Amino acid sequence: MEDAFWSRSYFIATTGQVTLDILKRYVRVKMQLVKKIRIYPTKEQVDVLWEISDKCRIVYNFALNDRQDALEKEARSIKYTEQQITSRFQKRNPEFKSVYSKTYQGILKKLK
């Protein structure tokens, strides 16, 4: 079948007036999900990015420790939906309120 285009996630075939080259071009344009952009941050922006990164690392480690403790002491696993770490952590550490809670939630979702 020479009028077909295979990929790991889809199959496209044409039987009409649209050529296979046009379909391939369309797929390449539509499948581009990430665009890399080069940024040139100032010294102050770099400092803020490192500060946010450090806070995210600390929250990740705190959440990981929380899950490991529950597994070792209570023989149960904590799921993302059960772990309300951000509000509890931010109450004890007000300096962590400068990072949006959605950022912390994303960290907890990625934690396995």
PDB file of N, CA and C in Angstrom:
ATOM      1  N   MET A   1       0.850  -1.166   0.000  1.00  0.00           N
ATOM      2  CA  MET A   1       0.000   0.000   0.000  1.00  0.00           C
ATOM      3  C   MET A   1       0.900   1.234   0.000  1.00  0.00           C
ATOM      4  N   GLU A   2       1.018   1.902  -1.109  1.00  0.00           N
ATOM      5  CA  GLU A   2       1.950   3.019  -1.165  1.00  0.00           C
ATOM      6  C   GLU A   2       1.335   4.343  -0.746  1.00  0.00           C
ATOM      7  N   ASP A   3       0.021   4.451  -0.671  1.00  0.00           N
ATOM      8  CA  ASP A   3      -0.619   5.675  -0.207  1.00  0.00           C
ATOM      9  C   ASP A   3      -0.989   5.573   1.267  1.00  0.00           C
ATOM     10  N   ALA A   4      -0.013   5.211   2.095  1.00  0.00           N
ATOM     11  CA  ALA A   4      -0.261   5.076   3.526  1.00  0.00           C
ATOM     12  C   ALA A   4       0.933   5.622   4.302  1.00  0.00           C
ATOM     13  N   PHE A   5       0.654   6.070   5.514  1.00  0.00           N
ATOM     14  CA  PHE A   5       1.682   6.612   6.396  1.00  0.00           C
ATOM     15  C   PHE A   5       1.502   5.990   7.771  1.00  0.00           C
ATOM     16  N   TRP A   6       2.528   5.281   8.249  1.00  0.00           N
ATOM     17  CA  TRP A   6       2.469   4.597   9.539  1.00  0.00           C
ATOM     18  C   TRP A   6       3.289   5.354  10.571  1.00  0.00           C
ATOM     19  N   SER A   7       2.849   5.273  11.789  1.00  0.00           N
ATOM     20  CA  SER A   7       3.584   5.785  12.939  1.00  0.00           C
ATOM     21  C   SER A   7       3.299   4.836  14.097  1.00  0.00           C
ATOM     22  N   ARG A   8       3.979   5.045  15.232  1.00  0.00           N
ATOM     23  CA  ARG A   8       3.706   4.201  16.391  1.00  0.00           C
ATOM     24  C   ARG A   8       2.310   4.438  16.950  1.00  0.00           C
ATOM     25  N   SER A   9       1.735   5.614  16.705  1.00  0.00           N
ATOM     26  CA  SER A   9       0.467   5.926  17.344  1.00  0.00           C
ATOM     27  C   SER A   9      -0.704   6.124  16.387  1.00  0.00           C
ATOM     28  N   TYR A  10      -0.476   6.106  15.086  1.00  0.00           N
ATOM     29  CA  TYR A  10      -1.587   6.287  14.162  1.00  0.00           C
ATOM     30  C   TYR A  10      -1.258   5.749  12.776  1.00  0.00           C
ATOM     31  N   PHE A  11      -2.288   5.603  11.974  1.00  0.00           N
ATOM     32  CA  PHE A  11      -2.177   5.172  10.584  1.00  0.00           C
ATOM     33  C   PHE A  11      -3.030   6.107   9.738  1.00  0.00           C
ATOM     34  N   ILE A  12      -2.463   6.613   8.666  1.00  0.00           N
ATOM     35  CA  ILE A  12      -3.204   7.493   7.765  1.00  0.00           C
ATOM     36  C   ILE A  12      -3.116   6.923   6.356  1.00  0.00           C
ATOM     37  N   ALA A  13      -4.238   6.875   5.688  1.00  0.00           N
ATOM     38  CA  ALA A  13      -4.275   6.453   4.282  1.00  0.00           C
ATOM     39  C   ALA A  13      -5.155   7.426   3.519  1.00  0.00           C
ATOM     40  N   THR A  14      -4.861   7.606   2.276  1.00  0.00           N
ATOM     41  CA  THR A  14      -5.665   8.504   1.459  1.00  0.00           C
ATOM     42  C   THR A  14      -6.180   7.767   0.232  1.00  0.00           C
ATOM     43  N   THR A  15      -7.412   8.062  -0.106  1.00  0.00           N
ATOM     44  CA  THR A  15      -7.991   7.475  -1.316  1.00  0.00           C
ATOM     45  C   THR A  15      -8.581   8.565  -2.195  1.00  0.00           C
ATOM     46  N   GLY A  16      -8.494   9.813  -1.713  1.00  0.00           N
ATOM     47  CA  GLY A  16      -9.109  10.909  -2.451  1.00  0.00           C
ATOM     48  C   GLY A  16      -8.080  11.800  -3.115  1.00  0.00           C
ATOM     49  N   GLN A  17      -8.394  13.085  -3.171  1.00  0.00           N
ATOM     50  CA  GLN A  17      -7.552  14.041  -3.872  1.00  0.00           C
ATOM     51  C   GLN A  17      -6.411  14.561  -3.005  1.00  0.00           C
ATOM     52  N   VAL A  18      -6.399  14.218  -1.737  1.00  0.00           N
ATOM     53  CA  VAL A  18      -5.321  14.660  -0.852  1.00  0.00           C
ATOM     54  C   VAL A  18      -4.147  13.705  -1.003  1.00  0.00           C
ATOM     55  N   THR A  19      -2.982  14.256  -1.293  1.00  0.00           N
ATOM     56  CA  THR A  19      -1.806  13.401  -1.475  1.00  0.00           C
ATOM     57  C   THR A  19      -1.231  13.010  -0.127  1.00  0.00           C
ATOM     58  N   LEU A  20      -0.440  11.981  -0.139  1.00  0.00           N
ATOM     59  CA  LEU A  20       0.199  11.499   1.079  1.00  0.00           C
ATOM     60  C   LEU A  20       1.175  12.535   1.627  1.00  0.00           C
ATOM     61  N   ASP A  21       1.839  13.275   0.755  1.00  0.00           N
ATOM     62  CA  ASP A  21       2.769  14.320   1.214  1.00  0.00           C
ATOM     63  C   ASP A  21       2.040  15.408   2.005  1.00  0.00           C
ATOM     64  N   ILE A  22       0.871  15.786   1.555  1.00  0.00           N
ATOM     65  CA  ILE A  22       0.080  16.785   2.279  1.00  0.00           C
ATOM     66  C   ILE A  22      -0.323  16.238   3.647  1.00  0.00           C
ATOM     67  N   LEU A  23      -0.724  14.979   3.709  1.00  0.00           N
ATOM     68  CA  LEU A  23      -1.084  14.369   4.992  1.00  0.00           C
ATOM     69  C   LEU A  23       0.115  14.314   5.935  1.00  0.00           C
ATOM     70  N   LYS A  24       1.273  13.936   5.411  1.00  0.00           N
ATOM     71  CA  LYS A  24       2.477  13.879   6.247  1.00  0.00           C
ATOM     72  C   LYS A  24       2.824  15.259   6.795  1.00  0.00           C
ATOM     73  N   ARG A  25       2.728  16.294   5.965  1.00  0.00           N
ATOM     74  CA  ARG A  25       3.001  17.660   6.400  1.00  0.00           C
ATOM     75  C   ARG A  25       2.010  18.083   7.491  1.00  0.00           C
ATOM     76  N   TYR A  26       0.749  17.753   7.293  1.00  0.00           N
ATOM     77  CA  TYR A  26      -0.290  18.079   8.274  1.00  0.00           C
ATOM     78  C   TYR A  26       0.009  17.416   9.623  1.00  0.00           C
ATOM     79  N   VAL A  27       0.402  16.149   9.579  1.00  0.00           N
ATOM     80  CA  VAL A  27       0.703  15.426  10.815  1.00  0.00           C
ATOM     81  C   VAL A  27       1.898  16.047  11.513  1.00  0.00           C
ATOM     82  N   ARG A  28       2.935  16.387  10.785  1.00  0.00           N
ATOM     83  CA  ARG A  28       4.118  17.000  11.395  1.00  0.00           C
ATOM     84  C   ARG A  28       3.767  18.312  12.086  1.00  0.00           C
ATOM     85  N   VAL A  29       2.931  19.114  11.467  1.00  0.00           N
ATOM     86  CA  VAL A  29       2.534  20.398  12.055  1.00  0.00           C
ATOM     87  C   VAL A  29       1.665  20.186  13.289  1.00  0.00           C
ATOM     88  N   LYS A  30       0.698  19.300  13.214  1.00  0.00           N
ATOM     89  CA  LYS A  30      -0.231  19.074  14.319  1.00  0.00           C
ATOM     90  C   LYS A  30       0.397  18.306  15.469  1.00  0.00           C
ATOM     91  N   MET A  31       1.388  17.486  15.211  1.00  0.00           N
ATOM     92  CA  MET A  31       1.973  16.651  16.259  1.00  0.00           C
ATOM     93  C   MET A  31       3.081  17.370  17.021  1.00  0.00           C
ATOM     94  N   GLN A  32       3.424  18.587  16.645  1.00  0.00           N
ATOM     95  CA  GLN A  32       4.453  19.314  17.367  1.00  0.00           C
ATOM     96  C   GLN A  32       3.849  19.824  18.673  1.00  0.00           C
ATOM     97  N   LEU A  33       4.157  19.161  19.768  1.00  0.00           N
ATOM     98  CA  LEU A  33       3.565  19.489  21.058  1.00  0.00           C
ATOM     99  C   LEU A  33       4.457  20.401  21.895  1.00  0.00           C
ATOM    100  N   VAL A  34       5.738  20.408  21.611  1.00  0.00           N
ATOM    101  CA  VAL A  34       6.680  21.178  22.407  1.00  0.00           C
ATOM    102  C   VAL A  34       7.485  22.076  21.486  1.00  0.00           C
ATOM    103  N   LYS A  35       7.628  23.295  21.900  1.00  0.00           N
ATOM    104  CA  LYS A  35       8.469  24.212  21.161  1.00  0.00           C
ATOM    105  C   LYS A  35       9.523  24.734  22.117  1.00  0.00           C
ATOM    106  N   LYS A  36      10.773  24.559  21.772  1.00  0.00           N
ATOM    107  CA  LYS A  36      11.860  25.037  22.617  1.00  0.00           C
ATOM    108  C   LYS A  36      12.079  26.513  22.355  1.00  0.00           C
ATOM    109  N   ILE A  37      12.193  27.258  23.433  1.00  0.00           N
ATOM    110  CA  ILE A  37      12.432  28.688  23.338  1.00  0.00           C
ATOM    111  C   ILE A  37      13.647  29.017  24.193  1.00  0.00           C
ATOM    112  N   ARG A  38      14.591  29.699  23.635  1.00  0.00           N
ATOM    113  CA  ARG A  38      15.787  30.103  24.362  1.00  0.00           C
ATOM    114  C   ARG A  38      15.481  31.396  25.101  1.00  0.00           C
ATOM    115  N   ILE A  39      15.747  31.398  26.397  1.00  0.00           N
ATOM    116  CA  ILE A  39      15.522  32.617  27.178  1.00  0.00           C
ATOM    117  C   ILE A  39      16.865  33.119  27.698  1.00  0.00           C
ATOM    118  N   TYR A  40      16.905  34.380  27.955  1.00  0.00           N
ATOM    119  CA  TYR A  40      18.109  35.018  28.489  1.00  0.00           C
ATOM    120  C   TYR A  40      17.720  35.780  29.759  1.00  0.00           C
ATOM    121  N   PRO A  41      17.612  35.048  30.882  1.00  0.00           N
ATOM    122  CA  PRO A  41      17.161  35.703  32.115  1.00  0.00           C
ATOM    123  C   PRO A  41      18.239  36.613  32.698  1.00  0.00           C
ATOM    124  N   THR A  42      17.769  37.616  33.424  1.00  0.00           N
ATOM    125  CA  THR A  42      18.696  38.499  34.136  1.00  0.00           C
ATOM    126  C   THR A  42      19.202  37.776  35.377  1.00  0.00           C
ATOM    127  N   LYS A  43      20.153  38.362  36.051  1.00  0.00           N
ATOM    128  CA  LYS A  43      20.714  37.767  37.270  1.00  0.00           C
ATOM    129  C   LYS A  43      19.625  37.588  38.328  1.00  0.00           C
ATOM    130  N   GLU A  44      18.742  38.576  38.458  1.00  0.00           N
ATOM    131  CA  GLU A  44      17.668  38.497  39.445  1.00  0.00           C
ATOM    132  C   GLU A  44      16.691  37.372  39.092  1.00  0.00           C
ATOM    133  N   GLN A  45      16.374  37.223  37.815  1.00  0.00           N
ATOM    134  CA  GLN A  45      15.471  36.157  37.383  1.00  0.00           C
ATOM    135  C   GLN A  45      16.084  34.784  37.609  1.00  0.00           C
ATOM    136  N   VAL A  46      17.385  34.658  37.378  1.00  0.00           N
ATOM    137  CA  VAL A  46      18.083  33.393  37.633  1.00  0.00           C
ATOM    138  C   VAL A  46      18.005  33.053  39.120  1.00  0.00           C
ATOM    139  N   ASP A  47      18.193  34.054  39.954  1.00  0.00           N
ATOM    140  CA  ASP A  47      18.115  33.827  41.403  1.00  0.00           C
ATOM    141  C   ASP A  47      16.718  33.355  41.814  1.00  0.00           C
ATOM    142  N   VAL A  48      15.686  33.974  41.247  1.00  0.00           N
ATOM    143  CA  VAL A  48      14.310  33.577  41.563  1.00  0.00           C
ATOM    144  C   VAL A  48      14.053  32.149  41.090  1.00  0.00           C
ATOM    145  N   LEU A  49      14.522  31.808  39.896  1.00  0.00           N
ATOM    146  CA  LEU A  49      14.329  30.450  39.381  1.00  0.00           C
ATOM    147  C   LEU A  49      15.021  29.411  40.266  1.00  0.00           C
ATOM    148  N   TRP A  50      16.218  29.724  40.737  1.00  0.00           N
ATOM    149  CA  TRP A  50      16.919  28.794  41.627  1.00  0.00           C
ATOM    150  C   TRP A  50      16.208  28.677  42.973  1.00  0.00           C
ATOM    151  N   GLU A  51      15.672  29.797  43.457  1.00  0.00           N
ATOM    152  CA  GLU A  51      14.933  29.772  44.729  1.00  0.00           C
ATOM    153  C   GLU A  51      13.681  28.889  44.604  1.00  0.00           C
ATOM    154  N   ILE A  52      12.945  29.045  43.517  1.00  0.00           N
ATOM    155  CA  ILE A  52      11.760  28.212  43.289  1.00  0.00           C
ATOM    156  C   ILE A  52      12.159  26.753  43.161  1.00  0.00           C
ATOM    157  N   SER A  53      13.242  26.498  42.442  1.00  0.00           N
ATOM    158  CA  SER A  53      13.721  25.133  42.268  1.00  0.00           C
ATOM    159  C   SER A  53      14.091  24.499  43.609  1.00  0.00           C
ATOM    160  N   ASP A  54      14.760  25.258  44.454  1.00  0.00           N
ATOM    161  CA  ASP A  54      15.129  24.749  45.785  1.00  0.00           C
ATOM    162  C   ASP A  54      13.895  24.435  46.628  1.00  0.00           C
ATOM    163  N   LYS A  55      12.901  25.311  46.580  1.00  0.00           N
ATOM    164  CA  LYS A  55      11.680  25.082  47.354  1.00  0.00           C
ATOM    165  C   LYS A  55      10.940  23.850  46.845  1.00  0.00           C
ATOM    166  N   CYS A  56      10.907  23.677  45.534  1.00  0.00           N
ATOM    167  CA  CYS A  56      10.254  22.498  44.959  1.00  0.00           C
ATOM    168  C   CYS A  56      10.988  21.218  45.355  1.00  0.00           C
ATOM    169  N   ARG A  57      12.309  21.275  45.383  1.00  0.00           N
ATOM    170  CA  ARG A  57      13.101  20.112  45.807  1.00  0.00           C
ATOM    171  C   ARG A  57      12.804  19.748  47.251  1.00  0.00           C
ATOM    172  N   ILE A  58      12.707  20.754  48.110  1.00  0.00           N
ATOM    173  CA  ILE A  58      12.431  20.509  49.530  1.00  0.00           C
ATOM    174  C   ILE A  58      11.039  19.911  49.709  1.00  0.00           C
ATOM    175  N   VAL A  59      10.048  20.437  48.990  1.00  0.00           N
ATOM    176  CA  VAL A  59       8.684  19.895  49.081  1.00  0.00           C
ATOM    177  C   VAL A  59       8.656  18.458  48.570  1.00  0.00           C
ATOM    178  N   TYR A  60       9.354  18.182  47.480  1.00  0.00           N
ATOM    179  CA  TYR A  60       9.423  16.823  46.930  1.00  0.00           C
ATOM    180  C   TYR A  60       9.998  15.868  47.979  1.00  0.00           C
ATOM    181  N   ASN A  61      11.122  16.258  48.581  1.00  0.00           N
ATOM    182  CA  ASN A  61      11.761  15.400  49.585  1.00  0.00           C
ATOM    183  C   ASN A  61      10.873  15.226  50.819  1.00  0.00           C
ATOM    184  N   PHE A  62      10.186  16.276  51.236  1.00  0.00           N
ATOM    185  CA  PHE A  62       9.270  16.204  52.370  1.00  0.00           C
ATOM    186  C   PHE A  62       8.135  15.220  52.067  1.00  0.00           C
ATOM    187  N   ALA A  63       7.571  15.323  50.877  1.00  0.00           N
ATOM    188  CA  ALA A  63       6.464  14.438  50.489  1.00  0.00           C
ATOM    189  C   ALA A  63       6.940  12.992  50.364  1.00  0.00           C
ATOM    190  N   LEU A  64       8.124  12.813  49.798  1.00  0.00           N
ATOM    191  CA  LEU A  64       8.678  11.463  49.669  1.00  0.00           C
ATOM    192  C   LEU A  64       8.900  10.848  51.045  1.00  0.00           C
ATOM    193  N   ASN A  65       9.439  11.635  51.974  1.00  0.00           N
ATOM    194  CA  ASN A  65       9.653  11.151  53.336  1.00  0.00           C
ATOM    195  C   ASN A  65       8.331  10.803  54.008  1.00  0.00           C
ATOM    196  N   ASP A  66       7.313  11.624  53.768  1.00  0.00           N
ATOM    197  CA  ASP A  66       5.979  11.380  54.311  1.00  0.00           C
ATOM    198  C   ASP A  66       5.447  10.028  53.826  1.00  0.00           C
ATOM    199  N   ARG A  67       5.605   9.765  52.545  1.00  0.00           N
ATOM    200  CA  ARG A  67       5.116   8.497  51.974  1.00  0.00           C
ATOM    201  C   ARG A  67       5.922   7.302  52.473  1.00  0.00           C
ATOM    202  N   GLN A  68       7.228   7.478  52.599  1.00  0.00           N
ATOM    203  CA  GLN A  68       8.063   6.388  53.090  1.00  0.00           C
ATOM    204  C   GLN A  68       7.749   6.066  54.542  1.00  0.00           C
ATOM    205  N   ASP A  69       7.515   7.088  55.354  1.00  0.00           N
ATOM    206  CA  ASP A  69       7.150   6.866  56.759  1.00  0.00           C
ATOM    207  C   ASP A  69       5.837   6.099  56.872  1.00  0.00           C
ATOM    208  N   ALA A  70       4.854   6.484  56.064  1.00  0.00           N
ATOM    209  CA  ALA A  70       3.556   5.794  56.103  1.00  0.00           C
ATOM    210  C   ALA A  70       3.709   4.342  55.693  1.00  0.00           C
ATOM    211  N   LEU A  71       4.585   4.082  54.732  1.00  0.00           N
ATOM    212  CA  LEU A  71       4.793   2.713  54.272  1.00  0.00           C
ATOM    213  C   LEU A  71       5.505   1.879  55.335  1.00  0.00           C
ATOM    214  N   GLU A  72       6.518   2.454  55.970  1.00  0.00           N
ATOM    215  CA  GLU A  72       7.290   1.712  56.971  1.00  0.00           C
ATOM    216  C   GLU A  72       6.539   1.545  58.298  1.00  0.00           C
ATOM    217  N   LYS A  73       5.913   2.619  58.780  1.00  0.00           N
ATOM    218  CA  LYS A  73       5.293   2.588  60.105  1.00  0.00           C
ATOM    219  C   LYS A  73       3.879   2.033  60.101  1.00  0.00           C
ATOM    220  N   GLU A  74       3.124   2.342  59.037  1.00  0.00           N
ATOM    221  CA  GLU A  74       1.721   1.935  59.006  1.00  0.00           C
ATOM    222  C   GLU A  74       1.436   0.880  57.945  1.00  0.00           C
ATOM    223  N   ALA A  75       2.440   0.503  57.200  1.00  0.00           N
ATOM    224  CA  ALA A  75       2.315  -0.488  56.123  1.00  0.00           C
ATOM    225  C   ALA A  75       1.199  -0.124  55.132  1.00  0.00           C
ATOM    226  N   ARG A  76       1.132   1.130  54.789  1.00  0.00           N
ATOM    227  CA  ARG A  76       0.163   1.585  53.781  1.00  0.00           C
ATOM    228  C   ARG A  76       0.824   2.622  52.884  1.00  0.00           C
ATOM    229  N   SER A  77       0.286   2.752  51.689  1.00  0.00           N
ATOM    230  CA  SER A  77       0.824   3.745  50.764  1.00  0.00           C
ATOM    231  C   SER A  77      -0.106   4.953  50.714  1.00  0.00           C
ATOM    232  N   ILE A  78       0.489   6.098  50.540  1.00  0.00           N
ATOM    233  CA  ILE A  78      -0.278   7.343  50.442  1.00  0.00           C
ATOM    234  C   ILE A  78      -0.372   7.708  48.973  1.00  0.00           C
ATOM    235  N   LYS A  79      -1.588   7.979  48.526  1.00  0.00           N
ATOM    236  CA  LYS A  79      -1.802   8.397  47.146  1.00  0.00           C
ATOM    237  C   LYS A  79      -1.794   9.922  47.074  1.00  0.00           C
ATOM    238  N   TYR A  80      -1.694  10.415  45.849  1.00  0.00           N
ATOM    239  CA  TYR A  80      -1.681  11.863  45.635  1.00  0.00           C
ATOM    240  C   TYR A  80      -2.914  12.534  46.237  1.00  0.00           C
ATOM    241  N   THR A  81      -4.066  11.912  46.047  1.00  0.00           N
ATOM    242  CA  THR A  81      -5.311  12.516  46.523  1.00  0.00           C
ATOM    243  C   THR A  81      -5.378  12.579  48.049  1.00  0.00           C
ATOM    244  N   GLU A  82      -4.654  11.711  48.732  1.00  0.00           N
ATOM    245  CA  GLU A  82      -4.647  11.700  50.199  1.00  0.00           C
ATOM    246  C   GLU A  82      -3.646  12.682  50.782  1.00  0.00           C
ATOM    247  N   GLN A  83      -2.633  13.023  50.022  1.00  0.00           N
ATOM    248  CA  GLN A  83      -1.521  13.791  50.556  1.00  0.00           C
ATOM    249  C   GLN A  83      -1.791  15.290  50.435  1.00  0.00           C
ATOM    250  N   GLN A  84      -2.264  15.877  51.506  1.00  0.00           N
ATOM    251  CA  GLN A  84      -2.518  17.318  51.551  1.00  0.00           C
ATOM    252  C   GLN A  84      -1.320  18.014  52.187  1.00  0.00           C
ATOM    253  N   ILE A  85      -0.194  17.823  51.554  1.00  0.00           N
ATOM    254  CA  ILE A  85       1.057  18.282  52.142  1.00  0.00           C
ATOM    255  C   ILE A  85       1.261  19.779  52.001  1.00  0.00           C
ATOM    256  N   THR A  86       0.735  20.357  50.941  1.00  0.00           N
ATOM    257  CA  THR A  86       1.068  21.747  50.664  1.00  0.00           C
ATOM    258  C   THR A  86       0.535  22.695  51.726  1.00  0.00           C
ATOM    259  N   SER A  87      -0.714  22.563  52.118  1.00  0.00           N
ATOM    260  CA  SER A  87      -1.258  23.492  53.121  1.00  0.00           C
ATOM    261  C   SER A  87      -0.581  23.286  54.474  1.00  0.00           C
ATOM    262  N   ARG A  88      -0.376  22.045  54.844  1.00  0.00           N
ATOM    263  CA  ARG A  88       0.280  21.738  56.125  1.00  0.00           C
ATOM    264  C   ARG A  88       1.721  22.244  56.124  1.00  0.00           C
ATOM    265  N   PHE A  89       2.412  22.019  55.026  1.00  0.00           N
ATOM    266  CA  PHE A  89       3.807  22.430  54.910  1.00  0.00           C
ATOM    267  C   PHE A  89       3.934  23.951  54.890  1.00  0.00           C
ATOM    268  N   GLN A  90       3.025  24.622  54.184  1.00  0.00           N
ATOM    269  CA  GLN A  90       3.092  26.077  54.080  1.00  0.00           C
ATOM    270  C   GLN A  90       2.738  26.763  55.402  1.00  0.00           C
ATOM    271  N   LYS A  91       1.899  26.131  56.218  1.00  0.00           N
ATOM    272  CA  LYS A  91       1.587  26.718  57.529  1.00  0.00           C
ATOM    273  C   LYS A  91       2.819  26.729  58.424  1.00  0.00           C
ATOM    274  N   ARG A  92       3.585  25.657  58.354  1.00  0.00           N
ATOM    275  CA  ARG A  92       4.799  25.573  59.169  1.00  0.00           C
ATOM    276  C   ARG A  92       5.952  26.378  58.583  1.00  0.00           C
ATOM    277  N   ASN A  93       5.921  26.588  57.260  1.00  0.00           N
ATOM    278  CA  ASN A  93       7.009  27.277  56.567  1.00  0.00           C
ATOM    279  C   ASN A  93       6.426  28.380  55.676  1.00  0.00           C
ATOM    280  N   PRO A  94       6.124  29.544  56.241  1.00  0.00           N
ATOM    281  CA  PRO A  94       5.461  30.600  55.463  1.00  0.00           C
ATOM    282  C   PRO A  94       6.271  31.094  54.267  1.00  0.00           C
ATOM    283  N   GLU A  95       7.574  30.917  54.282  1.00  0.00           N
ATOM    284  CA  GLU A  95       8.400  31.369  53.149  1.00  0.00           C
ATOM    285  C   GLU A  95       8.114  30.566  51.874  1.00  0.00           C
ATOM    286  N   PHE A  96       7.431  29.436  52.020  1.00  0.00           N
ATOM    287  CA  PHE A  96       7.104  28.603  50.864  1.00  0.00           C
ATOM    288  C   PHE A  96       5.808  29.041  50.176  1.00  0.00           C
ATOM    289  N   LYS A  97       5.161  30.064  50.713  1.00  0.00           N
ATOM    290  CA  LYS A  97       3.932  30.566  50.098  1.00  0.00           C
ATOM    291  C   LYS A  97       4.213  31.355  48.822  1.00  0.00           C
ATOM    292  N   SER A  98       5.456  31.693  48.577  1.00  0.00           N
ATOM    293  CA  SER A  98       5.793  32.474  47.377  1.00  0.00           C
ATOM    294  C   SER A  98       5.658  31.655  46.097  1.00  0.00           C
ATOM    295  N   VAL A  99       5.608  30.327  46.213  1.00  0.00           N
ATOM    296  CA  VAL A  99       5.434  29.449  45.048  1.00  0.00           C
ATOM    297  C   VAL A  99       3.964  29.059  44.970  1.00  0.00           C
ATOM    298  N   TYR A 100       3.408  29.097  43.767  1.00  0.00           N
ATOM    299  CA  TYR A 100       1.991  28.753  43.579  1.00  0.00           C
ATOM    300  C   TYR A 100       1.715  27.319  44.011  1.00  0.00           C
ATOM    301  N   SER A 101       0.553  27.099  44.601  1.00  0.00           N
ATOM    302  CA  SER A 101       0.205  25.764  45.080  1.00  0.00           C
ATOM    303  C   SER A 101       0.070  24.769  43.929  1.00  0.00           C
ATOM    304  N   LYS A 102      -0.299  25.232  42.748  1.00  0.00           N
ATOM    305  CA  LYS A 102      -0.393  24.344  41.572  1.00  0.00           C
ATOM    306  C   LYS A 102       0.965  23.741  41.253  1.00  0.00           C
ATOM    307  N   THR A 103       2.011  24.482  41.488  1.00  0.00           N
ATOM    308  CA  THR A 103       3.368  23.974  41.257  1.00  0.00           C
ATOM    309  C   THR A 103       3.653  22.817  42.204  1.00  0.00           C
ATOM    310  N   TYR A 104       3.304  22.997  43.457  1.00  0.00           N
ATOM    311  CA  TYR A 104       3.497  21.923  44.436  1.00  0.00           C
ATOM    312  C   TYR A 104       2.612  20.720  44.123  1.00  0.00           C
ATOM    313  N   GLN A 105       1.395  20.969  43.675  1.00  0.00           N
ATOM    314  CA  GLN A 105       0.507  19.862  43.315  1.00  0.00           C
ATOM    315  C   GLN A 105       1.085  19.050  42.158  1.00  0.00           C
ATOM    316  N   GLY A 106       1.705  19.739  41.211  1.00  0.00           N
ATOM    317  CA  GLY A 106       2.353  19.037  40.100  1.00  0.00           C
ATOM    318  C   GLY A 106       3.489  18.158  40.588  1.00  0.00           C
ATOM    319  N   ILE A 107       4.207  18.615  41.591  1.00  0.00           N
ATOM    320  CA  ILE A 107       5.297  17.813  42.170  1.00  0.00           C
ATOM    321  C   ILE A 107       4.730  16.557  42.807  1.00  0.00           C
ATOM    322  N   LEU A 108       3.644  16.704  43.562  1.00  0.00           N
ATOM    323  CA  LEU A 108       3.047  15.549  44.229  1.00  0.00           C
ATOM    324  C   LEU A 108       2.489  14.554  43.230  1.00  0.00           C
ATOM    325  N   LYS A 109       1.973  15.034  42.109  1.00  0.00           N
ATOM    326  CA  LYS A 109       1.440  14.114  41.097  1.00  0.00           C
ATOM    327  C   LYS A 109       2.558  13.290  40.458  1.00  0.00           C
ATOM    328  N   LYS A 110       3.727  13.905  40.305  1.00  0.00           N
ATOM    329  CA  LYS A 110       4.840  13.186  39.677  1.00  0.00           C
ATOM    330  C   LYS A 110       5.544  12.244  40.646  1.00  0.00           C
ATOM    331  N   LEU A 111       5.347  12.464  41.924  1.00  0.00           N
ATOM    332  CA  LEU A 111       5.985  11.628  42.938  1.00  0.00           C
ATOM    333  C   LEU A 111       5.379  10.238  42.930  1.00  0.00           C
ATOM    334  N   LYS A 112       6.179   9.232  42.726  1.00  0.00           N
ATOM    335  CA  LYS A 112       5.678   7.843  42.683  1.00  0.00           C
ATOM    336  C   LYS A 112       6.262   7.056  43.817  1.00  0.00           C
TER     337      LYS A 112
END
